Amino acid sequence: MAATLTKLKGFVQTYQGYNFEDISNAEKDELTSFVSEIVQAMRWEIEEDFYQRHDDPEKNKYIVNIQSQLAYLADEVSGFEDKNVDLVSPAIFDYLLTETFRLLEHLKYYFSDYFDFEAKLPYSYLEWYKKGHVLTNNQLLTKLHETNLDHELIKLIADFNQLDQSEGRFQMKTWKQLDYLVFAIEALIKAFSDPRPADMNLEILKLFVTIDFNSIYVYAYFIKYLERFTLGEGSFQEQQQDLLYILKLFRQVRVDAKVPYDSRVQSLKISVVESLEAELNYLEQREKLYLQNFKATNPESPSKFYFNVAVTLAELMFFFRVMLEVKVIYTKFNSYLYEFISNHIKTERAENISKKSMRNHFNNKPFPDRVVQNVKSWLVKMVAHIDLYYIV
C-alpha cells in the first residue's frame, strides 16, 4: 500500500507547474492510464493489507491513516489546480482528483466501521459531490416551492439544501455532516411527496424532530413558531390549550435518526419539549399575576377597579346572562365571570356576592318577572338615551 501511494504522490509532485500544452494527446493518455493503474492497484492492496491486521484497533489505525493521506493528496491536487489558473486546466488532474475522491468513498462504504466520520471533508470534495447530485437537490427545491410553507421555513430548508463547506448557516465540514444532509434531504423529499396534511408547517417541524435536525437555526425557528401562540390575541385558556396540544404531539414523535445533525448539543426533541414546558409555565405565571393585580390587597377593602351598580345581584346576573346569550361578552368559563364580579362590583343592596349565590341567580329558571322587568326597563332607558343624544 505504501508503494502505490508513494507513486501517486510522486506523480503529483513531478507534474506540479508543468505546462500540459507541451505534451501530445498520446502522452496525456499514457499519464491517465498510469494514474488509473495505480488507483486500481491501491483498491486491491487496501483490502489485502486490511485483512492482514488481526485486531480492530490496528485495522482502525490503518484505515484512518489511508483516509488521512488520501484527503491530503486531494487537497494538494486541488491546491495545485488553484495555483495554476493561468495554465490550461489539465484533464489528468481532474481525473486524479475524481479517482482520489472515489477511493475515499470506497473506504467510507466498505470499511465504515473504521472510517473517521468526524474528519474534515477534503477541499473541493463538496463541489465535486454536488455535480453528481444536482437532480436530487433540484428535486427538493421544486417540491419546496410547490408547497404553502411559511416563507422563513422555505428559506431554512433551501439554505440547508445548498451544501456549502465555508459559507451560509449550514456548513458541511465533516463526512458525518454530509451523510446527515443526504439523509435529511431524502426525508424531506419523501415528506413533500406524501399526501400533505392541512398544517404542513407543523408536519415539517415534526419531521425535524424525527430526524433530530438540532441546528441552532432550526431551534430558533421553533421558538418563533411557538411565539405565534404566546404573543397572539387568544385568551390564556386558548394559548394554553394550543401549547398543550403541541407538547403532546412532539412528545409522541419518535426520533428516527442514527446520528443528530450536531452531536455536540442535545437532541431537538428535548430542546423543543423543554421550551414548550417553559412557555406553559410562563403563561401560568402571567395569568396568576394578571388575576392578582385585579384582586383587592385587603379582602375587607374594595379592589382599585371597584364600582357600584344600581341593581340587585339577581338583576345583575340576569343582565350578564343575556349579554352572554347574545354574545355581547364572551367567557370560556362562568367561574371567571363570578371572579370578576366578586372582585370589582358592589350591588345596590351591598349583598353578599359569593360565587355560590351568583351561580344560583345565574342559573335561576324561570327568572322572576320582577327581575326581568327591572332589567328590561334599564335597557329601554338606554335605548331612549341613545335615540335622544346620539341619533341624528
Protein backbone atom coordinates (compact mmCIF):
# COMPACT_ATOMS: atom_id res chain seq x y z
CA MET A 1 0.00 0.00 0.00
CA ALA A 2 2.79 2.41 0.88
CA ALA A 3 4.47 1.85 -2.52
CA THR A 4 1.42 2.63 -4.64
CA LEU A 5 0.52 5.69 -2.57
CA THR A 6 4.11 6.93 -2.88
CA LYS A 7 3.88 6.56 -6.67
CA LEU A 8 0.74 8.66 -6.69
CA LYS A 9 2.32 11.36 -4.54
CA GLY A 10 5.41 11.32 -6.74
CA PHE A 11 3.25 11.81 -9.81
CA VAL A 12 1.65 14.92 -8.29
CA GLN A 13 4.98 16.39 -7.25
CA THR A 14 6.53 15.69 -10.68
CA TYR A 15 3.86 17.49 -12.63
CA GLN A 16 3.31 20.47 -10.35
CA GLY A 17 3.68 23.60 -12.50
CA TYR A 18 4.01 21.55 -15.66
CA ASN A 19 2.56 23.12 -18.82
CA PHE A 20 0.47 20.36 -20.35
CA GLU A 21 0.24 22.26 -23.64
CA ASP A 22 3.76 21.00 -24.40
CA ILE A 23 2.85 17.30 -24.49
CA SER A 24 0.89 15.32 -27.06
CA ASN A 25 -2.52 13.74 -26.57
CA ALA A 26 -0.89 10.30 -26.70
CA GLU A 27 1.35 11.24 -23.75
CA LYS A 28 -1.66 12.57 -21.84
CA ASP A 29 -3.45 9.26 -22.43
CA GLU A 30 -0.42 7.39 -21.10
CA LEU A 31 -0.41 9.52 -17.94
CA THR A 32 -4.13 8.88 -17.46
CA SER A 33 -3.57 5.11 -17.83
CA PHE A 34 -0.70 5.33 -15.34
CA VAL A 35 -2.91 7.01 -12.74
CA SER A 36 -5.75 4.56 -13.40
CA GLU A 37 -3.47 1.56 -12.84
CA ILE A 38 -2.12 2.99 -9.58
CA VAL A 39 -5.62 3.71 -8.25
CA GLN A 40 -6.84 0.22 -9.14
CA ALA A 41 -3.77 -1.33 -7.51
CA MET A 42 -4.48 0.71 -4.36
CA ARG A 43 -8.02 -0.69 -4.12
CA TRP A 44 -6.68 -4.26 -4.19
CA GLU A 45 -3.83 -3.56 -1.79
CA ILE A 46 -6.07 -1.79 0.75
CA GLU A 47 -8.30 -4.84 1.07
CA GLU A 48 -5.32 -7.25 1.23
CA ASP A 49 -3.45 -5.17 3.83
CA PHE A 50 -6.60 -4.60 5.88
CA TYR A 51 -7.30 -8.31 6.42
CA GLN A 52 -3.71 -8.96 7.42
CA ARG A 53 -4.36 -6.89 10.55
CA HIS A 54 -5.75 -9.02 13.34
CA ASP A 55 -7.50 -6.68 15.79
CA ASP A 56 -9.85 -3.72 15.48
CA PRO A 57 -7.52 -1.03 16.87
CA GLU A 58 -4.90 -1.96 14.26
CA LYS A 59 -7.50 -2.04 11.47
CA ASN A 60 -8.89 1.28 12.58
CA LYS A 61 -5.46 2.88 12.63
CA TYR A 62 -4.74 1.53 9.13
CA ILE A 63 -7.96 2.83 7.53
CA VAL A 64 -7.77 6.23 9.24
CA ASN A 65 -4.17 6.62 8.11
CA ILE A 66 -5.04 5.89 4.46
CA GLN A 67 -8.07 8.17 4.70
CA SER A 68 -5.89 10.99 6.03
CA GLN A 69 -3.25 10.56 3.33
CA LEU A 70 -5.82 10.45 0.53
CA ALA A 71 -7.53 13.58 1.87
CA TYR A 72 -4.15 15.33 2.00
CA LEU A 73 -3.41 14.21 -1.57
CA ALA A 74 -6.80 15.51 -2.77
CA ASP A 75 -6.13 18.87 -1.09
CA GLU A 76 -2.71 19.01 -2.73
CA VAL A 77 -4.18 18.35 -6.17
CA SER A 78 -6.93 20.93 -5.62
CA GLY A 79 -4.37 23.46 -4.42
CA PHE A 80 -2.18 22.78 -7.44
CA GLU A 81 -5.06 23.50 -9.79
CA ASP A 82 -5.89 26.73 -7.95
CA LYS A 83 -2.29 27.94 -8.22
CA ASN A 84 -2.15 27.27 -11.96
CA VAL A 85 -5.28 29.08 -13.11
CA ASP A 86 -3.30 30.73 -15.91
CA LEU A 87 -2.39 27.38 -17.43
CA VAL A 88 -4.66 25.10 -19.40
CA SER A 89 -6.51 23.03 -16.78
CA PRO A 90 -5.01 19.56 -17.19
CA ALA A 91 -7.67 16.89 -17.53
CA ILE A 92 -5.30 14.41 -15.93
CA PHE A 93 -5.51 16.25 -12.61
CA ASP A 94 -9.29 16.43 -12.81
CA TYR A 95 -9.24 12.70 -13.35
CA LEU A 96 -6.77 12.14 -10.49
CA LEU A 97 -8.91 14.24 -8.14
CA THR A 98 -12.05 12.31 -9.07
CA GLU A 99 -10.32 8.96 -8.57
CA THR A 100 -8.98 10.08 -5.18
CA PHE A 101 -12.49 11.09 -4.08
CA ARG A 102 -13.79 7.72 -5.27
CA LEU A 103 -11.09 5.94 -3.27
CA LEU A 104 -12.20 7.84 -0.17
CA GLU A 105 -15.82 6.88 -0.83
CA HIS A 106 -14.68 3.28 -1.30
CA LEU A 107 -13.11 3.38 2.19
CA LYS A 108 -16.21 5.02 3.63
CA TYR A 109 -18.57 2.44 2.13
CA TYR A 110 -16.63 -0.82 2.56
CA PHE A 111 -14.77 0.00 5.79
CA SER A 112 -17.36 2.16 7.52
CA ASP A 113 -16.71 0.64 10.96
CA TYR A 114 -13.18 2.02 10.85
CA PHE A 115 -13.69 5.20 8.80
CA ASP A 116 -13.29 8.55 10.61
CA PHE A 117 -16.61 10.29 10.01
CA GLU A 118 -15.58 13.22 12.18
CA ALA A 119 -12.68 14.02 9.82
CA LYS A 120 -12.96 17.10 7.63
CA LEU A 121 -14.04 16.69 4.02
CA PRO A 122 -11.23 17.27 1.51
CA TYR A 123 -11.05 20.69 -0.02
CA SER A 124 -13.35 20.89 -3.11
CA TYR A 125 -14.92 17.46 -2.40
CA LEU A 126 -18.33 19.00 -1.78
CA GLU A 127 -18.31 20.84 -5.11
CA TRP A 128 -17.46 17.58 -6.85
CA TYR A 129 -20.18 15.75 -4.90
CA LYS A 130 -22.80 18.37 -5.80
CA LYS A 131 -22.23 17.85 -9.53
CA GLY A 132 -23.32 14.24 -9.18
CA HIS A 133 -26.39 15.06 -7.09
CA VAL A 134 -27.82 18.11 -8.84
CA LEU A 135 -31.01 16.22 -9.68
CA THR A 136 -31.72 15.34 -6.05
CA ASN A 137 -31.14 18.89 -4.84
CA ASN A 138 -33.24 20.39 -7.62
CA GLN A 139 -35.99 17.89 -6.86
CA LEU A 140 -36.18 19.13 -3.28
CA LEU A 141 -36.25 22.78 -4.35
CA THR A 142 -39.03 22.08 -6.86
CA LYS A 143 -41.17 20.31 -4.27
CA LEU A 144 -40.36 23.00 -1.71
CA HIS A 145 -41.74 25.80 -3.86
CA GLU A 146 -44.89 23.80 -4.65
CA THR A 147 -45.92 23.94 -1.00
CA ASN A 148 -47.62 26.66 1.01
CA LEU A 149 -44.96 26.55 3.72
CA ASP A 150 -44.08 29.59 5.78
CA HIS A 151 -41.56 31.74 3.87
CA GLU A 152 -38.93 31.53 6.64
CA LEU A 153 -39.25 27.74 6.73
CA ILE A 154 -38.77 27.54 2.96
CA LYS A 155 -35.61 29.65 3.23
CA LEU A 156 -34.32 27.49 6.08
CA ILE A 157 -34.65 24.29 4.03
CA ALA A 158 -33.31 25.94 0.86
CA ASP A 159 -30.20 27.12 2.73
CA PHE A 160 -29.65 23.61 4.08
CA ASN A 161 -30.02 22.18 0.58
CA GLN A 162 -27.15 24.28 -0.81
CA LEU A 163 -24.35 22.01 0.54
CA ASP A 164 -21.68 24.53 1.39
CA GLN A 165 -18.36 23.94 3.14
CA SER A 166 -17.46 27.50 4.05
CA GLU A 167 -20.47 29.83 3.87
CA GLY A 168 -24.09 30.02 4.93
CA ARG A 169 -25.92 28.82 8.00
CA PHE A 170 -25.42 25.09 7.38
CA GLN A 171 -21.76 24.38 6.75
CA MET A 172 -20.98 20.78 5.81
CA LYS A 173 -17.41 20.32 7.04
CA THR A 174 -17.22 16.65 8.01
CA TRP A 175 -18.17 13.30 6.47
CA LYS A 176 -20.76 12.83 9.21
CA GLN A 177 -22.43 16.15 8.42
CA LEU A 178 -22.59 15.28 4.73
CA ASP A 179 -24.16 11.89 5.49
CA TYR A 180 -26.70 13.65 7.69
CA LEU A 181 -27.52 16.10 4.91
CA VAL A 182 -28.16 13.29 2.41
CA PHE A 183 -30.39 11.51 4.95
CA ALA A 184 -32.32 14.71 5.74
CA ILE A 185 -32.86 15.68 2.10
CA GLU A 186 -34.24 12.23 1.31
CA ALA A 187 -36.61 12.50 4.30
CA LEU A 188 -37.80 15.96 3.19
CA ILE A 189 -38.38 14.87 -0.42
CA LYS A 190 -40.48 11.96 0.83
CA ALA A 191 -42.46 14.26 3.15
CA PHE A 192 -43.29 16.60 0.27
CA SER A 193 -44.22 13.65 -1.95
CA ASP A 194 -46.65 12.10 0.56
CA PRO A 195 -50.25 13.34 0.84
CA ARG A 196 -49.96 16.72 2.53
CA PRO A 197 -51.82 17.46 5.77
CA ALA A 198 -53.62 20.73 6.40
CA ASP A 199 -50.80 22.17 8.55
CA MET A 200 -47.69 21.37 6.51
CA ASN A 201 -45.56 23.71 8.64
CA LEU A 202 -46.26 21.63 11.74
CA GLU A 203 -45.66 18.43 9.78
CA ILE A 204 -42.18 19.58 8.73
CA LEU A 205 -41.36 20.61 12.30
CA LYS A 206 -42.34 17.13 13.45
CA LEU A 207 -40.08 15.70 10.74
CA PHE A 208 -37.19 17.86 12.02
CA VAL A 209 -37.67 16.25 15.44
CA THR A 210 -37.82 12.77 13.87
CA ILE A 211 -34.52 13.27 12.04
CA ASP A 212 -33.03 15.18 15.02
CA PHE A 213 -32.15 18.27 13.00
CA ASN A 214 -30.78 20.01 16.10
CA SER A 215 -29.25 23.04 14.39
CA ILE A 216 -29.44 26.30 16.33
CA TYR A 217 -31.23 27.83 13.32
CA VAL A 218 -33.91 25.14 13.33
CA TYR A 219 -34.39 25.59 17.08
CA ALA A 220 -34.66 29.38 16.58
CA TYR A 221 -37.45 28.79 14.06
CA PHE A 222 -39.26 26.59 16.60
CA ILE A 223 -39.15 29.43 19.12
CA LYS A 224 -40.67 31.84 16.58
CA TYR A 225 -43.34 29.26 15.79
CA LEU A 226 -44.30 28.99 19.47
CA GLU A 227 -44.43 32.77 19.85
CA ARG A 228 -47.35 32.80 17.43
CA PHE A 229 -49.41 31.33 20.23
CA THR A 230 -47.96 33.08 23.28
CA LEU A 231 -47.88 36.53 21.66
CA GLY A 232 -51.19 36.17 19.83
CA GLU A 233 -54.59 37.61 20.62
CA GLY A 234 -56.00 34.39 22.08
CA SER A 235 -57.09 34.10 25.69
CA PHE A 236 -54.95 32.39 28.30
CA GLN A 237 -57.03 29.23 28.00
CA GLU A 238 -56.75 29.19 24.19
CA GLN A 239 -52.99 29.70 24.29
CA GLN A 240 -52.61 27.06 26.98
CA GLN A 241 -54.76 24.60 25.06
CA ASP A 242 -52.77 25.14 21.83
CA LEU A 243 -49.42 24.70 23.57
CA LEU A 244 -50.56 21.60 25.45
CA TYR A 245 -51.69 20.07 22.17
CA ILE A 246 -48.33 20.81 20.50
CA LEU A 247 -46.47 19.49 23.54
CA LYS A 248 -48.45 16.24 23.30
CA LEU A 249 -47.63 15.97 19.59
CA PHE A 250 -43.89 16.44 20.00
CA ARG A 251 -43.70 14.11 22.98
CA GLN A 252 -45.22 11.42 20.78
CA VAL A 253 -42.80 11.97 17.87
CA ARG A 254 -40.20 9.21 17.66
CA VAL A 255 -36.59 10.18 16.94
CA ASP A 256 -35.53 8.05 13.99
CA ALA A 257 -32.04 9.35 13.17
CA LYS A 258 -28.89 7.27 13.71
CA VAL A 259 -26.95 10.43 14.45
CA PRO A 260 -28.12 14.04 15.03
CA TYR A 261 -27.14 16.97 12.88
CA ASP A 262 -24.84 18.23 15.67
CA SER A 263 -23.57 15.64 18.13
CA ARG A 264 -22.26 18.37 20.46
CA VAL A 265 -25.70 19.52 21.62
CA GLN A 266 -28.79 17.81 22.99
CA SER A 267 -31.47 16.40 20.73
CA LEU A 268 -34.01 18.72 19.13
CA LYS A 269 -36.87 16.82 20.79
CA ILE A 270 -35.53 17.54 24.29
CA SER A 271 -34.98 21.22 23.44
CA VAL A 272 -38.47 21.61 21.96
CA VAL A 273 -40.22 19.84 24.85
CA GLU A 274 -38.29 21.94 27.38
CA SER A 275 -39.24 25.13 25.53
CA LEU A 276 -42.92 24.17 25.41
CA GLU A 277 -42.91 23.41 29.12
CA ALA A 278 -41.20 26.76 29.79
CA GLU A 279 -43.81 28.60 27.69
CA LEU A 280 -46.65 26.88 29.54
CA ASN A 281 -45.08 27.79 32.86
CA TYR A 282 -44.68 31.40 31.68
CA LEU A 283 -48.34 31.54 30.66
CA GLU A 284 -49.44 30.19 34.02
CA GLN A 285 -47.33 32.69 35.96
CA ARG A 286 -48.53 35.52 33.75
CA GLU A 287 -52.16 34.57 34.36
CA LYS A 288 -51.61 34.41 38.12
CA LEU A 289 -50.03 37.86 38.07
CA TYR A 290 -52.86 39.19 35.95
CA LEU A 291 -55.52 37.89 38.34
CA GLN A 292 -53.58 39.07 41.36
CA ASN A 293 -53.50 42.63 40.02
CA PHE A 294 -57.26 42.64 39.83
CA LYS A 295 -57.80 41.38 43.36
CA ALA A 296 -58.00 43.59 46.40
CA THR A 297 -54.87 43.53 48.55
CA ASN A 298 -57.13 43.64 51.61
CA PRO A 299 -60.17 41.34 51.50
CA GLU A 300 -62.13 43.89 53.59
CA SER A 301 -61.46 46.76 51.19
CA PRO A 302 -62.62 47.12 47.61
CA SER A 303 -60.42 46.49 44.56
CA LYS A 304 -58.80 49.50 42.89
CA PHE A 305 -61.09 48.74 39.94
CA TYR A 306 -64.21 48.64 42.12
CA PHE A 307 -67.53 50.26 41.10
CA ASN A 308 -71.21 50.27 42.20
CA VAL A 309 -74.26 49.20 40.20
CA ALA A 310 -77.83 50.36 40.83
CA VAL A 311 -79.30 46.86 40.56
CA THR A 312 -79.67 43.82 42.75
CA LEU A 313 -77.45 40.75 42.43
CA ALA A 314 -80.30 38.79 40.81
CA GLU A 315 -80.81 41.57 38.22
CA LEU A 316 -77.07 41.83 37.61
CA MET A 317 -76.72 38.09 36.96
CA PHE A 318 -79.70 38.11 34.58
CA PHE A 319 -78.20 41.09 32.74
CA PHE A 320 -74.87 39.26 32.31
CA ARG A 321 -76.66 36.11 31.20
CA VAL A 322 -78.49 37.99 28.44
CA MET A 323 -75.22 39.62 27.30
CA LEU A 324 -73.58 36.18 27.10
CA GLU A 325 -76.54 34.71 25.22
CA VAL A 326 -76.49 37.46 22.56
CA LYS A 327 -72.67 37.33 22.52
CA VAL A 328 -72.00 40.89 23.67
CA ILE A 329 -69.43 39.41 26.05
CA TYR A 330 -67.52 36.13 25.98
CA THR A 331 -66.07 33.89 28.67
CA LYS A 332 -64.85 30.33 28.39
CA PHE A 333 -65.85 29.53 31.97
CA ASN A 334 -68.60 31.17 34.02
CA SER A 335 -66.35 30.96 37.08
CA TYR A 336 -64.21 33.73 35.53
CA LEU A 337 -67.27 35.96 35.38
CA TYR A 338 -68.08 35.22 39.02
CA GLU A 339 -64.48 36.03 39.98
CA PHE A 340 -64.67 39.37 38.17
CA ILE A 341 -67.99 40.38 39.74
CA SER A 342 -66.84 39.33 43.22
CA ASN A 343 -63.71 41.49 42.99
CA HIS A 344 -64.99 44.58 41.15
CA ILE A 345 -68.73 45.13 41.62
CA LYS A 346 -70.87 46.21 44.53
CA THR A 347 -74.67 45.92 44.17
CA GLU A 348 -77.28 48.41 45.34
CA ARG A 349 -78.12 46.42 48.46
CA ALA A 350 -74.48 45.55 49.30
CA GLU A 351 -75.42 41.89 49.15
CA ASN A 352 -73.11 39.01 49.90
CA ILE A 353 -71.63 38.37 46.47
CA SER A 354 -70.35 34.84 46.85
CA LYS A 355 -69.72 32.56 43.90
CA LYS A 356 -72.41 30.22 45.14
CA SER A 357 -75.05 32.96 45.27
CA MET A 358 -74.02 34.27 41.84
CA ARG A 359 -74.24 30.76 40.39
CA ASN A 360 -77.72 30.27 41.89
CA HIS A 361 -79.01 33.54 40.44
CA PHE A 362 -77.32 32.97 37.06
CA ASN A 363 -78.89 29.52 36.65
CA ASN A 364 -82.28 30.52 38.05
CA LYS A 365 -85.05 29.36 35.68
CA PRO A 366 -87.55 30.72 35.17
CA PHE A 367 -86.24 34.14 36.20
CA PRO A 368 -88.67 36.10 38.39
CA ASP A 369 -90.84 38.51 36.39
CA ARG A 370 -89.76 41.41 38.61
CA VAL A 371 -86.08 40.76 37.79
CA VAL A 372 -86.78 40.51 34.06
CA GLN A 373 -88.92 43.68 34.00
CA ASN A 374 -86.39 45.73 36.01
CA VAL A 375 -83.53 44.78 33.68
CA LYS A 376 -85.69 45.43 30.64
CA SER A 377 -86.60 48.90 31.95
CA TRP A 378 -82.90 49.77 32.24
CA LEU A 379 -82.34 48.61 28.69
CA VAL A 380 -85.31 50.66 27.46
CA LYS A 381 -83.84 53.72 29.22
CA MET A 382 -80.53 53.10 27.45
CA VAL A 383 -82.21 52.87 24.04
CA ALA A 384 -84.18 56.08 24.73
CA HIS A 385 -80.96 57.81 25.81
CA ILE A 386 -79.21 56.77 22.58
CA ASP A 387 -82.17 57.92 20.49
CA LEU A 388 -82.19 61.31 22.27
CA TYR A 389 -78.48 62.14 22.33
CA TYR A 390 -76.70 60.04 19.72
CA ILE A 391 -79.01 59.55 16.72
CA VAL A 392 -79.11 62.48 14.31
